[in-house]
N, C-alpha and C. Protein backbone atom coordinates (compact mmCIF):
# COMPACT_ATOMS: atom_id res chain seq x y z
N MET A 1 0.65 -1.08 0.07
CA MET A 1 -0.55 -0.23 0.05
C MET A 1 1.15 1.28 0.17
N THR A 2 0.89 1.94 -1.23
CA THR A 2 1.42 3.33 -1.08
C THR A 2 0.97 4.96 -0.79
N ILE A 3 0.28 5.45 0.04
CA ILE A 3 -0.47 7.12 0.44
C ILE A 3 0.80 8.09 -1.07
N ARG A 4 0.12 8.54 -1.71
CA ARG A 4 0.91 9.27 -2.02
C ARG A 4 0.43 11.09 -1.75
N PRO A 5 0.59 11.67 -0.73
CA PRO A 5 -0.67 12.42 -0.76
C PRO A 5 0.02 14.21 -1.79
N THR A 6 -0.66 15.22 -2.13
CA THR A 6 -0.47 16.38 -2.65
C THR A 6 -0.56 17.27 -1.92
N TYR A 7 -0.35 18.20 -2.34
CA TYR A 7 -0.34 19.30 -1.31
C TYR A 7 -0.33 20.31 -1.65
N THR A 8 -0.57 21.74 -2.29
CA THR A 8 -1.37 22.88 -3.00
C THR A 8 -1.15 24.09 -1.47
N LEU A 9 -0.24 24.46 -1.76
CA LEU A 9 0.00 25.42 -0.48
C LEU A 9 -0.63 27.41 -1.27
N GLU A 10 -1.29 26.77 -1.98
CA GLU A 10 -1.80 28.10 -3.07
C GLU A 10 -2.52 28.50 -2.03
N GLY A 11 -3.88 29.42 -2.24
CA GLY A 11 -4.50 30.42 -1.90
C GLY A 11 -5.78 30.32 -0.39
N ILE A 12 -4.59 30.19 0.31
CA ILE A 12 -4.56 31.13 1.32
C ILE A 12 -2.60 32.39 1.82
N PRO A 13 -4.25 32.93 1.89
CA PRO A 13 -2.97 35.02 1.55
C PRO A 13 -1.41 35.05 2.73
N GLU A 14 -2.74 34.62 3.90
CA GLU A 14 -2.20 34.38 5.52
C GLU A 14 -0.36 33.74 5.02
N LEU A 15 -0.79 32.08 4.77
CA LEU A 15 0.00 31.21 4.68
C LEU A 15 1.04 31.49 3.72
N ASP A 16 0.19 31.98 2.44
CA ASP A 16 1.94 32.73 1.40
C ASP A 16 2.67 33.30 2.04
N LYS A 17 2.19 34.32 2.16
CA LYS A 17 2.70 35.76 3.05
C LYS A 17 3.62 35.45 3.77
N ALA A 18 3.61 34.68 4.48
CA ALA A 18 4.49 33.41 5.92
C ALA A 18 4.80 32.68 5.00
N LEU A 19 5.56 32.00 4.41
CA LEU A 19 6.21 30.85 3.39
C LEU A 19 7.15 31.63 2.61
N ILE A 20 7.55 32.74 2.31
CA ILE A 20 8.01 33.64 1.56
C ILE A 20 8.81 33.78 2.52
N LYS A 21 8.62 34.32 3.84
CA LYS A 21 9.92 34.66 5.09
C LYS A 21 10.78 33.15 4.71
N LEU A 22 10.16 31.90 5.18
CA LEU A 22 11.01 30.41 4.91
C LEU A 22 11.57 30.41 3.76
N ALA A 23 12.88 29.34 3.65
CA ALA A 23 14.07 28.94 2.60
C ALA A 23 13.64 28.08 2.61
N GLY A 24 13.88 27.68 0.97
CA GLY A 24 13.56 26.48 0.82
C GLY A 24 13.21 25.26 1.31
N ARG A 25 14.63 25.31 2.11
CA ARG A 25 15.57 24.35 2.69
C ARG A 25 14.30 23.76 4.02
N ASP A 26 14.00 25.08 4.43
CA ASP A 26 12.66 24.75 5.49
C ASP A 26 11.31 24.35 5.29
N ILE A 27 11.63 24.65 4.46
CA ILE A 27 10.47 24.53 3.96
C ILE A 27 10.07 22.56 2.99
N ASP A 28 11.48 22.09 3.34
CA ASP A 28 11.48 21.04 2.79
C ASP A 28 11.75 19.90 3.71
N LYS A 29 12.57 20.19 4.81
CA LYS A 29 13.01 19.42 6.28
C LYS A 29 11.62 19.39 6.42
N ALA A 30 11.00 20.98 6.31
CA ALA A 30 8.49 20.30 7.71
C ALA A 30 8.53 19.54 6.92
N MET A 31 8.37 18.61 5.29
CA MET A 31 7.60 17.90 4.88
C MET A 31 8.18 17.13 5.25
N ASP A 32 9.17 16.95 5.27
CA ASP A 32 9.86 15.65 5.63
C ASP A 32 10.24 15.46 6.45
N VAL A 33 9.50 16.01 7.96
CA VAL A 33 9.15 16.00 9.58
C VAL A 33 7.22 15.59 9.64
N GLY A 34 7.06 16.56 8.82
CA GLY A 34 5.50 15.86 8.22
C GLY A 34 5.37 14.03 7.96
N PHE A 35 6.14 13.47 7.05
CA PHE A 35 6.26 12.23 6.63
C PHE A 35 6.65 11.13 7.35
N ARG A 36 7.27 11.73 8.11
CA ARG A 36 7.94 10.43 9.31
C ARG A 36 7.04 10.57 10.01
N ARG A 37 6.74 11.76 11.06
CA ARG A 37 5.25 11.80 11.98
C ARG A 37 4.02 10.80 11.65
N ALA A 38 3.86 11.13 10.55
CA ALA A 38 3.22 11.20 9.93
C ALA A 38 2.68 9.09 8.67
N ALA A 39 4.23 8.62 8.95
CA ALA A 39 4.53 7.58 9.07
C ALA A 39 4.13 6.77 10.26
N LYS A 40 4.74 6.88 11.15
CA LYS A 40 5.01 6.47 11.73
C LYS A 40 2.94 5.70 12.42
N PRO A 41 2.11 6.08 12.79
CA PRO A 41 1.30 5.03 13.08
C PRO A 41 0.51 4.19 12.19
N LEU A 42 1.34 4.91 10.57
CA LEU A 42 0.39 4.21 9.65
C LEU A 42 0.03 2.99 9.75
N PRO A 43 1.05 2.64 10.75
CA PRO A 43 0.56 0.59 10.94
C PRO A 43 -1.22 0.66 11.90
N GLY A 44 -1.18 1.74 12.45
CA GLY A 44 -1.82 1.05 13.81
C GLY A 44 -3.69 1.52 12.58
N TYR A 45 -3.19 2.72 12.20
CA TYR A 45 -4.55 3.06 11.16
C TYR A 45 -4.87 1.63 10.58
N MET A 46 -4.37 0.81 10.13
CA MET A 46 -4.02 0.04 9.12
C MET A 46 -4.99 -0.88 9.31
N ALA A 47 -4.07 -1.95 11.05
CA ALA A 47 -5.53 -3.15 11.66
C ALA A 47 -6.17 -2.33 12.23
N GLN A 48 -6.00 -0.52 12.47
CA GLN A 48 -7.71 -0.76 13.08
C GLN A 48 -8.31 -0.71 12.11
N ALA A 49 -8.77 -0.43 10.81
CA ALA A 49 -9.21 -0.02 9.78
C ALA A 49 -9.60 -1.69 9.30
N MET A 50 -8.70 -2.35 9.29
CA MET A 50 -9.01 -4.31 9.04
C MET A 50 -9.98 -4.48 10.75
N ALA A 51 -9.95 -3.72 11.45
CA ALA A 51 -10.33 -4.32 12.89
C ALA A 51 -11.71 -4.51 12.92
N LYS A 52 -11.94 -3.43 11.98
CA LYS A 52 -13.60 -2.77 11.91
C LYS A 52 -14.11 -4.24 10.99
N HIS A 53 -13.66 -4.34 10.35
CA HIS A 53 -14.47 -5.66 9.67
C HIS A 53 -14.51 -7.21 10.08
N TYR A 54 -13.19 -7.74 10.38
CA TYR A 54 -12.75 -8.71 10.83
C TYR A 54 -12.47 -9.34 11.52
N THR A 55 -12.48 -10.38 12.60
CA THR A 55 -12.47 -11.45 13.31
C THR A 55 -11.46 -10.78 14.40
N PRO A 56 -10.23 -11.03 13.51
CA PRO A 56 -8.09 -10.85 14.34
C PRO A 56 -8.75 -9.61 15.27
N LYS A 57 -8.05 -10.03 16.73
CA LYS A 57 -7.94 -8.17 17.22
C LYS A 57 -7.01 -7.79 16.73
N GLN A 58 -6.74 -6.50 17.13
CA GLN A 58 -5.96 -4.68 16.32
C GLN A 58 -4.71 -5.23 16.10
N ARG A 59 -4.11 -6.22 17.68
CA ARG A 59 -2.72 -5.46 17.42
C ARG A 59 -2.41 -6.95 16.21
N THR A 60 -3.28 -7.68 16.61
CA THR A 60 -2.37 -9.17 16.17
C THR A 60 -1.93 -8.97 14.92
N LEU A 61 -2.66 -8.01 13.70
CA LEU A 61 -2.98 -7.66 13.08
C LEU A 61 -2.21 -6.23 13.05
N LYS A 62 -2.22 -5.28 14.01
CA LYS A 62 -0.86 -4.65 13.27
C LYS A 62 1.08 -5.37 13.75
N ASP A 63 1.41 -6.74 14.32
CA ASP A 63 2.23 -7.10 14.24
C ASP A 63 2.41 -7.70 12.98
N ALA A 64 1.91 -7.98 11.68
CA ALA A 64 1.93 -8.55 11.25
C ALA A 64 2.31 -7.27 9.90
N ILE A 65 2.29 -6.21 10.59
CA ILE A 65 2.68 -4.39 9.07
C ILE A 65 4.11 -4.45 9.16
N SER A 66 4.48 -4.14 8.00
CA SER A 66 5.99 -4.14 8.47
C SER A 66 6.16 -2.50 8.53
N THR A 67 7.92 -1.69 8.83
CA THR A 67 7.78 -0.42 9.46
C THR A 67 7.10 -0.28 8.13
N PRO A 68 6.46 1.61 7.92
CA PRO A 68 6.39 2.20 7.04
C PRO A 68 8.11 2.83 6.42
N ARG A 69 7.78 3.17 5.22
CA ARG A 69 9.34 3.10 4.23
C ARG A 69 8.36 4.55 3.64
N ILE A 70 9.51 5.70 3.86
CA ILE A 70 9.04 7.22 2.94
C ILE A 70 10.15 7.21 1.47
N ILE A 71 9.13 6.88 0.78
CA ILE A 71 10.57 7.11 -0.69
C ILE A 71 10.09 8.61 -1.22
N THR A 72 11.36 9.41 -1.70
CA THR A 72 11.17 10.42 -2.34
C THR A 72 12.06 10.69 -3.43
N SER A 73 12.56 9.73 -3.90
CA SER A 73 12.70 9.51 -5.63
C SER A 73 11.25 9.62 -6.12
N GLY A 74 10.96 10.31 -7.36
CA GLY A 74 9.91 9.99 -7.84
C GLY A 74 9.53 12.08 -7.86
N PRO A 75 8.43 11.98 -8.56
CA PRO A 75 7.33 13.13 -8.96
C PRO A 75 6.35 12.94 -6.99
N GLY A 76 7.45 13.82 -6.25
CA GLY A 76 6.83 13.76 -4.74
C GLY A 76 7.12 12.94 -4.21
N ALA A 77 7.52 12.52 -2.50
CA ALA A 77 7.84 11.85 -2.36
C ALA A 77 6.41 10.74 -1.52
N SER A 78 6.33 9.37 -0.89
CA SER A 78 5.44 9.01 -0.72
C SER A 78 5.50 7.88 0.48
N ILE A 79 4.68 6.87 0.98
CA ILE A 79 4.31 6.25 2.54
C ILE A 79 4.19 5.17 1.56
N GLU A 80 5.29 4.35 2.13
CA GLU A 80 4.72 2.70 1.25
C GLU A 80 4.48 1.65 2.77
N VAL A 81 4.13 0.71 2.77
CA VAL A 81 4.13 -0.60 4.14
C VAL A 81 3.62 -1.80 2.98
N ARG A 82 4.64 -2.72 3.58
CA ARG A 82 4.70 -3.41 2.81
C ARG A 82 4.34 -4.63 3.73
N SER A 83 3.11 -5.68 3.40
CA SER A 83 2.25 -5.98 4.44
C SER A 83 2.40 -7.49 3.17
N SER A 84 2.33 -8.56 4.41
CA SER A 84 2.16 -9.84 3.73
C SER A 84 1.17 -10.59 2.60
N ALA A 85 1.52 -11.26 1.64
CA ALA A 85 0.57 -12.10 1.57
C ALA A 85 -0.35 -13.31 1.60
N LYS A 86 1.02 -14.68 2.79
CA LYS A 86 0.32 -14.78 2.98
C LYS A 86 -0.23 -15.36 4.63
N PRO A 87 -1.78 -16.24 3.80
CA PRO A 87 -3.04 -16.27 4.77
C PRO A 87 -2.66 -16.42 6.02
N PHE A 88 -3.24 -15.95 6.20
CA PHE A 88 -3.72 -15.64 7.95
C PHE A 88 -3.86 -16.63 9.02
N SER A 89 -3.38 -17.35 10.26
CA SER A 89 -3.57 -19.20 10.43
C SER A 89 -5.44 -18.67 10.55
N GLY A 90 -6.07 -19.49 11.01
CA GLY A 90 -7.25 -19.88 11.07
C GLY A 90 -7.63 -20.05 12.49
N ARG A 91 -6.60 -20.29 13.33
CA ARG A 91 -6.65 -19.71 15.13
C ARG A 91 -6.34 -18.01 15.26
N MET A 92 -6.79 -17.31 14.59
CA MET A 92 -7.39 -15.39 14.44
C MET A 92 -8.34 -15.51 13.84
N PHE A 93 -8.95 -16.72 13.63
CA PHE A 93 -10.23 -15.80 13.60
C PHE A 93 -11.38 -17.08 14.39
N ALA A 94 -11.43 -16.53 15.46
CA ALA A 94 -12.46 -17.68 15.98
C ALA A 94 -12.42 -18.83 16.14
N PRO A 95 -11.66 -19.83 16.29
CA PRO A 95 -12.12 -20.83 15.99
C PRO A 95 -13.24 -21.43 17.12
N LEU A 96 -13.87 -22.38 16.71
CA LEU A 96 -14.95 -23.02 17.32
C LEU A 96 -14.88 -24.66 16.84
N HIS A 97 -15.39 -24.84 17.82
CA HIS A 97 -15.82 -26.80 17.80
C HIS A 97 -14.92 -27.26 17.36
N GLY A 98 -15.46 -29.03 17.27
CA GLY A 98 -14.14 -29.51 16.46
C GLY A 98 -13.19 -30.41 17.55
N VAL A 99 -13.27 -29.94 18.59
CA VAL A 99 -12.52 -30.84 19.77
C VAL A 99 -13.42 -32.09 20.27
N ARG A 100 -12.76 -32.82 19.66
CA ARG A 100 -12.90 -34.63 20.76
C ARG A 100 -13.56 -34.31 22.30
N TRP A 101 -14.14 -35.55 23.24
CA TRP A 101 -14.12 -34.96 24.11
C TRP A 101 -15.48 -34.07 24.50
N GLN A 102 -15.24 -33.05 23.49
CA GLN A 102 -15.74 -31.80 24.04
C GLN A 102 -17.36 -31.47 22.57
N ASP A 103 -17.26 -31.57 21.87
CA ASP A 103 -18.05 -30.82 20.59
C ASP A 103 -17.01 -31.39 19.76
N LYS A 104 -18.52 -32.46 19.47
CA LYS A 104 -17.26 -33.46 18.34
C LYS A 104 -17.99 -32.35 16.52
N LYS A 105 -19.11 -31.80 16.47
CA LYS A 105 -18.96 -30.80 15.10
C LYS A 105 -17.96 -30.76 14.65
N ASN A 106 -17.79 -30.35 13.51
CA ASN A 106 -16.62 -30.15 12.56
C ASN A 106 -16.72 -28.23 12.78
N ALA A 107 -15.00 -28.44 13.00
CA ALA A 107 -14.35 -27.26 13.30
C ALA A 107 -14.71 -26.15 12.66
N SER A 108 -14.81 -24.26 12.91
CA SER A 108 -15.14 -23.60 12.54
C SER A 108 -14.59 -22.09 12.35
N ILE A 109 -14.92 -21.02 11.70
CA ILE A 109 -13.27 -20.38 11.30
C ILE A 109 -15.10 -19.53 11.01
N LYS A 110 -14.48 -17.98 11.80
CA LYS A 110 -15.68 -16.84 11.63
C LYS A 110 -14.73 -15.70 10.95
N VAL A 111 -14.58 -15.68 9.86
CA VAL A 111 -13.21 -14.33 8.87
C VAL A 111 -14.34 -13.19 9.33
N PHE A 112 -15.40 -12.75 9.21
CA PHE A 112 -16.15 -11.21 8.92
C PHE A 112 -17.34 -10.70 10.41
N LYS A 113 -16.31 -9.84 11.28
CA LYS A 113 -16.96 -9.75 11.88
C LYS A 113 -18.75 -9.74 11.85
N GLY A 114 -19.56 -10.20 12.66
CA GLY A 114 -21.09 -10.19 11.54
C GLY A 114 -21.50 -10.58 11.23
N GLY A 115 -20.66 -11.26 10.93
CA GLY A 115 -20.90 -12.48 9.45
C GLY A 115 -21.27 -13.60 10.30
N THR A 116 -21.86 -14.89 9.62
CA THR A 116 -21.84 -16.16 10.10
C THR A 116 -20.89 -17.11 9.73
N ARG A 117 -20.83 -18.47 10.97
CA ARG A 117 -19.89 -18.93 10.64
C ARG A 117 -20.61 -20.70 10.29
N LYS A 118 -19.36 -20.65 9.22
CA LYS A 118 -20.15 -22.63 8.69
C LYS A 118 -18.63 -23.26 8.98
N PRO A 119 -19.69 -24.35 9.37
CA PRO A 119 -19.20 -25.99 9.94
C PRO A 119 -17.93 -26.41 8.89
N ARG A 120 -16.41 -26.65 8.83
CA ARG A 120 -16.79 -27.35 7.30
C ARG A 120 -16.09 -28.66 8.26
N LYS A 121 -16.67 -29.35 7.12
CA LYS A 121 -16.23 -30.45 6.74
C LYS A 121 -14.58 -31.27 6.89
N ASN A 122 -14.58 -32.04 7.93
CA ASN A 122 -13.41 -33.31 8.34
C ASN A 122 -13.02 -31.26 8.39
N ALA A 123 -12.80 -30.86 9.51
CA ALA A 123 -12.66 -30.22 10.13
C ALA A 123 -12.07 -30.27 11.52
N PHE A 124 -10.99 -29.97 12.82
CA PHE A 124 -10.47 -30.38 13.52
C PHE A 124 -10.37 -29.38 14.53
N ARG A 125 -9.36 -29.73 15.86
CA ARG A 125 -8.65 -28.67 16.27
C ARG A 125 -8.28 -29.49 17.78
N ASN A 126 -7.69 -29.25 18.50
CA ASN A 126 -7.07 -30.41 18.98
C ASN A 126 -6.23 -29.15 20.28
N PRO A 127 -6.52 -28.67 21.31
CA PRO A 127 -6.73 -27.52 22.56
C PRO A 127 -5.18 -27.74 22.38
N ALA A 128 -4.07 -28.96 22.73
CA ALA A 128 -2.73 -29.28 22.39
C ALA A 128 -1.82 -28.96 21.52
N PHE A 129 -2.48 -28.99 20.34
CA PHE A 129 -0.95 -28.29 19.40
C PHE A 129 -1.78 -26.98 18.41
N ALA A 130 -0.86 -26.72 18.10
CA ALA A 130 -0.60 -25.19 17.78
C ALA A 130 -1.83 -24.56 17.82
N SER A 131 -1.70 -24.28 18.65
CA SER A 131 -2.59 -23.24 19.79
C SER A 131 -3.79 -24.41 19.58
N GLY A 132 -4.09 -24.84 19.37
CA GLY A 132 -6.13 -24.66 18.36
C GLY A 132 -6.20 -24.42 17.86
N GLY A 133 -5.49 -24.42 16.92
CA GLY A 133 -5.72 -24.47 16.18
C GLY A 133 -6.64 -25.28 15.18
N PRO A 134 -7.34 -24.50 13.87
CA PRO A 134 -8.63 -25.12 13.11
C PRO A 134 -7.77 -25.94 12.61
N PHE A 135 -7.80 -27.27 11.61
CA PHE A 135 -7.33 -28.22 10.77
C PHE A 135 -8.24 -29.34 10.19
N VAL A 136 -8.55 -29.42 8.62
CA VAL A 136 -8.69 -30.16 8.05
C VAL A 136 -8.80 -30.87 7.34
N ARG A 137 -8.94 -32.69 7.21
CA ARG A 137 -8.70 -33.36 6.58
C ARG A 137 -8.89 -33.80 5.20
N ASP A 138 -7.86 -34.33 4.66
CA ASP A 138 -7.83 -33.50 3.25
C ASP A 138 -8.35 -34.92 2.33
N GLY A 139 -8.22 -35.91 2.88
CA GLY A 139 -9.44 -37.28 2.80
C GLY A 139 -9.69 -37.37 3.82
N ASP A 140 -10.54 -38.52 2.40
CA ASP A 140 -11.13 -39.81 4.33
C ASP A 140 -10.59 -40.30 4.85
N GLY A 141 -8.74 -40.26 5.58
CA GLY A 141 -8.60 -41.26 5.91
C GLY A 141 -8.29 -39.89 7.11
N ARG A 142 -6.89 -40.36 8.06
CA ARG A 142 -6.26 -39.27 8.81
C ARG A 142 -5.53 -38.39 8.81
N THR A 143 -5.08 -38.82 7.71
CA THR A 143 -3.77 -37.63 7.03
C THR A 143 -4.37 -37.69 5.05
N PRO A 144 -3.65 -37.35 4.19
CA PRO A 144 -2.88 -36.10 5.10
C PRO A 144 -3.87 -35.12 5.16
N ILE A 145 -3.72 -34.08 6.39
CA ILE A 145 -4.37 -32.65 6.98
C ILE A 145 -3.44 -31.49 6.42
N SER A 146 -4.10 -30.15 6.55
CA SER A 146 -3.38 -29.70 6.11
C SER A 146 -4.47 -27.94 7.09
N LYS A 147 -4.41 -26.88 7.62
CA LYS A 147 -4.44 -25.82 8.41
C LYS A 147 -5.44 -24.94 7.48
N MET A 148 -6.36 -24.95 8.38
CA MET A 148 -8.18 -23.66 7.92
C MET A 148 -7.21 -22.04 8.38
N MET A 149 -6.97 -21.75 6.26
CA MET A 149 -6.18 -20.24 7.18
C MET A 149 -7.57 -19.40 6.64
N GLY A 150 -7.00 -18.26 6.42
CA GLY A 150 -7.77 -16.86 6.72
C GLY A 150 -7.87 -16.76 5.71
N PRO A 151 -7.80 -14.78 5.37
CA PRO A 151 -7.31 -14.03 4.16
C PRO A 151 -6.38 -13.78 4.91
N SER A 152 -5.26 -13.10 3.89
CA SER A 152 -4.21 -12.39 4.27
C SER A 152 -4.62 -10.69 4.84
N PHE A 153 -3.28 -9.96 4.87
CA PHE A 153 -3.73 -8.73 5.31
C PHE A 153 -3.89 -8.07 4.21
N HIS A 154 -2.74 -8.77 3.03
CA HIS A 154 -2.75 -7.90 2.17
C HIS A 154 -3.99 -8.05 1.55
N ASN A 155 -4.61 -9.56 1.24
CA ASN A 155 -5.93 -9.37 0.45
C ASN A 155 -6.90 -8.71 0.55
N ALA A 156 -6.60 -8.80 2.16
CA ALA A 156 -7.68 -6.86 3.12
C ALA A 156 -7.91 -6.07 2.16
N PHE A 157 -7.03 -5.76 1.94
CA PHE A 157 -6.52 -3.95 1.53
C PHE A 157 -6.34 -4.49 -0.05
N THR A 158 -6.06 -5.48 -1.19
CA THR A 158 -6.56 -5.22 -1.65
C THR A 158 -7.44 -5.55 -3.26
N GLY A 159 -8.31 -7.32 -2.21
CA GLY A 159 -9.49 -7.15 -3.15
C GLY A 159 -10.30 -8.40 -1.93
N GLY A 160 -9.90 -7.76 -0.91
CA GLY A 160 -11.85 -8.27 0.24
C GLY A 160 -12.80 -7.24 -0.19
N LYS A 161 -13.96 -7.73 0.17
CA LYS A 161 -14.94 -6.93 0.33
C LYS A 161 -14.80 -5.70 1.04
N HIS A 162 -14.52 -5.49 1.68
CA HIS A 162 -13.91 -4.57 2.79
C HIS A 162 -13.62 -3.36 2.42
N LYS A 163 -12.43 -3.55 1.38
CA LYS A 163 -11.81 -3.00 0.49
C LYS A 163 -11.96 -1.35 0.32
N ALA A 164 -12.90 -0.99 -0.07
CA ALA A 164 -12.90 0.20 -0.07
C ALA A 164 -12.88 1.01 1.22
N ALA A 165 -13.58 0.58 2.16
CA ALA A 165 -13.82 1.57 3.59
C ALA A 165 -12.84 1.07 4.27
N ILE A 166 -12.02 -0.36 3.37
CA ILE A 166 -10.42 -0.46 4.75
C ILE A 166 -9.65 0.92 4.71
N LEU A 167 -9.72 1.15 2.95
CA LEU A 167 -8.73 2.63 2.26
C LEU A 167 -9.16 3.53 2.12
N ASP A 168 -10.33 4.03 2.03
CA ASP A 168 -11.14 5.13 3.11
C ASP A 168 -10.54 5.82 4.52
N HIS A 169 -10.88 4.71 4.98
CA HIS A 169 -10.16 4.92 6.72
C HIS A 169 -8.91 5.34 6.90
N VAL A 170 -7.75 4.37 6.97
CA VAL A 170 -6.88 4.65 5.84
C VAL A 170 -6.18 5.58 5.93
N GLU A 171 -7.10 6.44 4.43
CA GLU A 171 -6.63 7.66 3.99
C GLU A 171 -6.77 8.55 5.13
N SER A 172 -8.07 8.34 4.93
CA SER A 172 -8.41 9.95 5.77
C SER A 172 -7.74 9.72 6.47
N LYS A 173 -7.35 8.95 7.78
CA LYS A 173 -6.97 9.05 8.77
C LYS A 173 -5.34 9.41 8.75
N ALA A 174 -4.64 8.80 7.54
CA ALA A 174 -3.32 9.51 7.17
C ALA A 174 -3.27 10.47 7.03
N MET A 175 -4.30 10.87 6.26
CA MET A 175 -4.14 12.44 5.71
C MET A 175 -4.57 13.47 6.78
N GLU A 176 -5.24 13.71 7.57
CA GLU A 176 -5.68 14.32 8.97
C GLU A 176 -3.48 14.41 9.70
N LYS A 177 -3.13 13.06 9.87
CA LYS A 177 -2.09 13.26 10.53
C LYS A 177 -0.60 13.79 9.32
N LEU A 178 -0.59 14.22 8.65
CA LEU A 178 0.39 14.24 7.05
C LEU A 178 -0.31 16.53 7.45
N GLN A 179 -1.39 16.20 7.23
CA GLN A 179 -1.41 17.58 7.15
C GLN A 179 -0.86 18.23 8.67
N ASN A 180 -1.88 18.22 9.64
CA ASN A 180 -0.73 18.05 10.99
C ASN A 180 0.25 18.87 11.12
N SER A 181 0.29 17.54 10.97
CA SER A 181 2.76 17.36 10.83
C SER A 181 2.97 18.41 10.62
N VAL A 182 2.77 18.39 9.20
CA VAL A 182 3.65 19.44 8.44
C VAL A 182 3.11 21.01 8.97
N ILE A 183 2.23 20.93 9.00
CA ILE A 183 1.55 22.38 9.62
C ILE A 183 2.69 23.28 11.34
N GLN A 184 2.29 22.07 11.53
CA GLN A 184 3.11 22.31 12.90
C GLN A 184 4.85 22.47 12.95
N SER A 185 5.10 21.54 12.23
CA SER A 185 6.38 21.27 11.49
C SER A 185 6.54 22.80 10.87
N LEU A 186 5.80 23.13 10.54
CA LEU A 186 5.56 25.14 9.50
C LEU A 186 5.70 25.77 10.18
N LYS A 187 4.69 25.53 11.26
CA LYS A 187 5.08 26.33 12.49
C LYS A 187 5.95 26.97 13.38
N ALA A 188 7.31 25.56 13.50
CA ALA A 188 8.38 25.58 14.01
C ALA A 188 8.99 26.53 13.50
N LYS A 189 9.28 26.03 11.64
CA LYS A 189 10.45 26.68 11.17
C LYS A 189 10.02 27.91 10.78
N SER A 190 9.22 28.57 11.36
CA SER A 190 8.49 30.25 10.18
C SER A 190 9.42 30.82 10.93
N ARG A 191 9.68 30.89 13.34
CA ARG A 191 10.19 31.91 13.47
C ARG A 191 9.30 32.77 14.48
N GLY A 192 7.57 32.72 14.00
CA GLY A 192 6.93 33.00 14.60
C GLY A 192 5.85 33.58 13.14
N PHE A 193 6.04 33.03 12.40
CA PHE A 193 4.93 34.00 11.05
C PHE A 193 4.06 33.67 10.75
N ILE A 194 4.46 31.93 11.23
CA ILE A 194 2.59 30.87 11.21
C ILE A 194 2.00 30.77 12.51
N LYS A 195 0.93 31.63 12.67
CA LYS A 195 0.90 31.09 13.78
C LYS A 195 0.00 29.94 13.99
């Protein structure tokens, strides 16, 4: 995910006059500071956005996000965040049932908040194995078996059914943080010219 904000510092007479008194290097530094400050909370915004629609906890989702990078090459700066396309383990998606001697129903996971869960045939859990994560038998015998998986973090942002709402939330939060950070830095650099 890459955020490429653009700014037009025209049309605000007071700001225009104040910027004239700043050296170009000061403005560039203020923009750099703004981008650094905006990048830091971005993983939290992304995890918060996904947690609104998916069942894994926000803290768990945040741990799956790489540290944002600020890209300064090319036209304008941008903030880049990399996330894994590897599906999340089904144990993050509220697994239920399928435990021998406790409940014999096929195990299920619940991917979306407010959504329905569907028990999966031949699925099971073992509380003493893989933190109780759900597995499914791939045939009629006892083996082979494979893990039940949920969608990846990457999928939620690029192709999931809540993609639009998730991206809107992140962009709104990130742009607000970026604008505030740039303005605060400009004020500090202006030495009193910008109130």
